[in-house]
Amino acid sequence: MNITDHAADQMKKRGFTVEMLGQLLKGRYWLKPSPQRQNRYLVTGFVDGKWWTVVTESDLYTMVTVRRAHASEIESD
């Protein structure tokens, strides 16, 4: 995955590690188009007891940022 400078800064600021990114992508997650921006996708999953959202470009390879998931992004079983 290509991690932009902004995404790397946000990961460090929020305590989200590369290992956590791997756990998120290996686990169960939801992939949805971003409601705010075209050509972006939200990858939301549960890692280390918290819900996280990774924002990617439409190529699903370039990570734009990471943040704690909004309540509306968390789906129940």
N, C-alpha and C. Protein backbone atom coordinates (compact mmCIF):
# COMPACT_ATOMS: atom_id res chain seq x y z
N MET A 1 0.85 -1.18 0.00
CA MET A 1 0.00 0.00 0.00
C MET A 1 0.89 1.23 0.00
N ASN A 2 0.54 2.20 -0.81
CA ASN A 2 1.23 3.47 -0.87
C ASN A 2 0.64 4.39 0.20
N ILE A 3 1.43 4.76 1.19
CA ILE A 3 0.96 5.61 2.28
C ILE A 3 1.47 7.03 2.04
N THR A 4 0.54 7.97 1.85
CA THR A 4 0.92 9.35 1.61
C THR A 4 1.55 9.95 2.86
N ASP A 5 2.25 11.07 2.69
CA ASP A 5 2.86 11.75 3.85
C ASP A 5 1.80 12.13 4.87
N HIS A 6 0.66 12.63 4.39
CA HIS A 6 -0.42 13.01 5.31
C HIS A 6 -0.90 11.79 6.10
N ALA A 7 -1.10 10.67 5.41
CA ALA A 7 -1.56 9.45 6.09
C ALA A 7 -0.54 9.00 7.13
N ALA A 8 0.75 9.06 6.80
CA ALA A 8 1.79 8.66 7.75
C ALA A 8 1.77 9.57 8.98
N ASP A 9 1.59 10.88 8.75
CA ASP A 9 1.50 11.82 9.88
C ASP A 9 0.30 11.51 10.76
N GLN A 10 -0.84 11.23 10.14
CA GLN A 10 -2.05 10.93 10.90
C GLN A 10 -1.93 9.60 11.65
N MET A 11 -1.28 8.62 11.03
CA MET A 11 -1.05 7.34 11.71
C MET A 11 -0.24 7.57 12.98
N LYS A 12 0.83 8.32 12.87
CA LYS A 12 1.69 8.59 14.02
C LYS A 12 0.92 9.36 15.09
N LYS A 13 0.20 10.38 14.68
CA LYS A 13 -0.56 11.23 15.60
C LYS A 13 -1.63 10.43 16.35
N ARG A 14 -2.25 9.49 15.67
CA ARG A 14 -3.37 8.73 16.26
C ARG A 14 -2.96 7.37 16.81
N GLY A 15 -1.69 7.03 16.72
CA GLY A 15 -1.23 5.77 17.27
C GLY A 15 -1.64 4.56 16.46
N PHE A 16 -1.84 4.74 15.18
CA PHE A 16 -2.23 3.66 14.28
C PHE A 16 -0.97 3.19 13.55
N THR A 17 -0.57 1.96 13.78
CA THR A 17 0.69 1.44 13.24
C THR A 17 0.48 0.68 11.93
N VAL A 18 1.57 0.41 11.24
CA VAL A 18 1.52 -0.39 10.02
C VAL A 18 1.01 -1.79 10.34
N GLU A 19 1.38 -2.31 11.51
CA GLU A 19 0.90 -3.63 11.94
C GLU A 19 -0.62 -3.62 12.11
N MET A 20 -1.15 -2.52 12.65
CA MET A 20 -2.61 -2.40 12.80
C MET A 20 -3.29 -2.35 11.43
N LEU A 21 -2.66 -1.68 10.47
CA LEU A 21 -3.20 -1.64 9.12
C LEU A 21 -3.28 -3.05 8.55
N GLY A 22 -2.23 -3.83 8.77
CA GLY A 22 -2.24 -5.23 8.32
C GLY A 22 -3.35 -6.03 8.97
N GLN A 23 -3.56 -5.82 10.28
CA GLN A 23 -4.63 -6.52 10.99
C GLN A 23 -6.00 -6.13 10.43
N LEU A 24 -6.17 -4.84 10.16
CA LEU A 24 -7.44 -4.37 9.62
C LEU A 24 -7.72 -5.05 8.28
N LEU A 25 -6.73 -5.08 7.41
CA LEU A 25 -6.92 -5.64 6.07
C LEU A 25 -7.04 -7.16 6.06
N LYS A 26 -6.50 -7.83 7.07
CA LYS A 26 -6.62 -9.29 7.16
C LYS A 26 -7.92 -9.71 7.83
N GLY A 27 -8.54 -8.80 8.56
CA GLY A 27 -9.77 -9.11 9.29
C GLY A 27 -11.01 -8.77 8.48
N ARG A 28 -12.10 -8.64 9.20
CA ARG A 28 -13.38 -8.29 8.57
C ARG A 28 -13.47 -6.77 8.49
N TYR A 29 -13.77 -6.26 7.32
CA TYR A 29 -13.90 -4.82 7.15
C TYR A 29 -14.96 -4.52 6.11
N TRP A 30 -15.40 -3.26 6.09
CA TRP A 30 -16.36 -2.79 5.11
C TRP A 30 -15.68 -1.82 4.18
N LEU A 31 -15.99 -1.91 2.93
CA LEU A 31 -15.47 -1.01 1.91
C LEU A 31 -16.65 -0.28 1.30
N LYS A 32 -16.63 1.05 1.41
CA LYS A 32 -17.73 1.86 0.88
C LYS A 32 -17.17 3.07 0.17
N PRO A 33 -17.88 3.56 -0.85
CA PRO A 33 -17.47 4.82 -1.46
C PRO A 33 -17.63 5.95 -0.44
N SER A 34 -16.76 6.93 -0.50
CA SER A 34 -16.86 8.07 0.39
C SER A 34 -18.09 8.90 0.03
N PRO A 35 -18.91 9.25 1.02
CA PRO A 35 -20.07 10.09 0.71
C PRO A 35 -19.70 11.55 0.43
N GLN A 36 -18.52 11.96 0.87
CA GLN A 36 -18.10 13.36 0.70
C GLN A 36 -17.29 13.61 -0.57
N ARG A 37 -16.48 12.63 -0.97
CA ARG A 37 -15.55 12.88 -2.07
C ARG A 37 -15.60 11.74 -3.08
N GLN A 38 -15.78 12.10 -4.33
CA GLN A 38 -15.73 11.09 -5.39
C GLN A 38 -14.30 10.57 -5.49
N ASN A 39 -14.15 9.37 -5.97
CA ASN A 39 -12.85 8.74 -6.18
C ASN A 39 -12.11 8.43 -4.89
N ARG A 40 -12.84 8.34 -3.79
CA ARG A 40 -12.25 7.91 -2.52
C ARG A 40 -13.13 6.82 -1.93
N TYR A 41 -12.48 5.91 -1.19
CA TYR A 41 -13.19 4.83 -0.53
C TYR A 41 -12.84 4.80 0.94
N LEU A 42 -13.78 4.31 1.75
CA LEU A 42 -13.59 4.16 3.18
C LEU A 42 -13.49 2.67 3.50
N VAL A 43 -12.42 2.30 4.18
CA VAL A 43 -12.22 0.92 4.63
C VAL A 43 -12.33 0.97 6.15
N THR A 44 -13.39 0.37 6.69
CA THR A 44 -13.66 0.44 8.13
C THR A 44 -13.58 -0.94 8.74
N GLY A 45 -12.82 -1.05 9.84
CA GLY A 45 -12.67 -2.32 10.53
C GLY A 45 -12.29 -2.13 11.98
N PHE A 46 -12.27 -3.23 12.71
CA PHE A 46 -12.05 -3.26 14.15
C PHE A 46 -10.65 -3.79 14.43
N VAL A 47 -9.82 -2.99 15.09
CA VAL A 47 -8.45 -3.39 15.40
C VAL A 47 -8.11 -2.93 16.82
N ASP A 48 -7.56 -3.83 17.61
CA ASP A 48 -7.11 -3.52 18.98
C ASP A 48 -8.19 -2.82 19.81
N GLY A 49 -9.42 -3.30 19.68
CA GLY A 49 -10.51 -2.79 20.51
C GLY A 49 -11.12 -1.48 20.05
N LYS A 50 -10.76 -1.01 18.86
CA LYS A 50 -11.31 0.25 18.36
C LYS A 50 -11.67 0.12 16.89
N TRP A 51 -12.68 0.89 16.47
CA TRP A 51 -13.07 0.95 15.07
C TRP A 51 -12.27 2.04 14.38
N TRP A 52 -11.71 1.70 13.22
CA TRP A 52 -10.88 2.62 12.45
C TRP A 52 -11.40 2.71 11.03
N THR A 53 -11.16 3.86 10.41
CA THR A 53 -11.46 4.04 8.99
C THR A 53 -10.20 4.52 8.28
N VAL A 54 -9.85 3.81 7.23
CA VAL A 54 -8.75 4.19 6.36
C VAL A 54 -9.38 4.74 5.09
N VAL A 55 -8.98 5.94 4.69
CA VAL A 55 -9.48 6.55 3.46
C VAL A 55 -8.46 6.30 2.37
N THR A 56 -8.92 5.73 1.25
CA THR A 56 -8.04 5.43 0.13
C THR A 56 -8.51 6.14 -1.13
N GLU A 57 -7.60 6.27 -2.07
CA GLU A 57 -7.97 6.76 -3.40
C GLU A 57 -8.74 5.65 -4.11
N SER A 58 -9.30 5.96 -5.26
CA SER A 58 -10.11 4.98 -5.98
C SER A 58 -9.32 3.76 -6.43
N ASP A 59 -7.98 3.87 -6.46
CA ASP A 59 -7.17 2.72 -6.83
C ASP A 59 -7.10 1.67 -5.71
N LEU A 60 -7.63 2.01 -4.54
CA LEU A 60 -7.64 1.15 -3.35
C LEU A 60 -6.23 0.76 -2.91
N TYR A 61 -5.25 1.50 -3.38
CA TYR A 61 -3.86 1.23 -3.06
C TYR A 61 -3.20 2.41 -2.35
N THR A 62 -3.67 3.61 -2.63
CA THR A 62 -3.10 4.81 -2.05
C THR A 62 -3.89 5.24 -0.82
N MET A 63 -3.23 5.19 0.33
CA MET A 63 -3.85 5.56 1.60
C MET A 63 -3.75 7.07 1.78
N VAL A 64 -4.90 7.73 1.95
CA VAL A 64 -4.95 9.18 2.09
C VAL A 64 -4.84 9.59 3.55
N THR A 65 -5.61 8.92 4.42
CA THR A 65 -5.58 9.22 5.85
C THR A 65 -6.17 8.06 6.63
N VAL A 66 -6.05 8.14 7.94
CA VAL A 66 -6.65 7.17 8.84
C VAL A 66 -7.24 7.93 10.02
N ARG A 67 -8.36 7.45 10.52
CA ARG A 67 -9.00 8.09 11.66
C ARG A 67 -9.89 7.08 12.36
N ARG A 68 -10.34 7.44 13.56
CA ARG A 68 -11.32 6.61 14.24
C ARG A 68 -12.61 6.67 13.44
N ALA A 69 -13.30 5.56 13.35
CA ALA A 69 -14.52 5.47 12.54
C ALA A 69 -15.64 6.29 13.17
N HIS A 70 -16.44 6.89 12.32
CA HIS A 70 -17.65 7.57 12.77
C HIS A 70 -18.72 6.51 13.05
N ALA A 71 -19.64 6.82 13.94
CA ALA A 71 -20.69 5.86 14.30
C ALA A 71 -21.48 5.39 13.09
N SER A 72 -21.70 6.26 12.14
CA SER A 72 -22.47 5.90 10.94
C SER A 72 -21.73 4.92 10.03
N GLU A 73 -20.42 4.77 10.22
CA GLU A 73 -19.61 3.87 9.39
C GLU A 73 -19.51 2.47 9.97
N ILE A 74 -19.94 2.30 11.19
CA ILE A 74 -19.84 1.00 11.86
C ILE A 74 -21.12 0.22 11.64
N GLU A 75 -20.99 -0.94 11.04
CA GLU A 75 -22.15 -1.79 10.78
C GLU A 75 -22.21 -2.90 11.83
N SER A 76 -23.40 -3.31 12.13
CA SER A 76 -23.54 -4.44 13.07
C SER A 76 -23.77 -5.73 12.27
N ASP A 77 -23.55 -6.86 12.93
CA ASP A 77 -23.69 -8.16 12.25
C ASP A 77 -25.10 -8.44 11.84
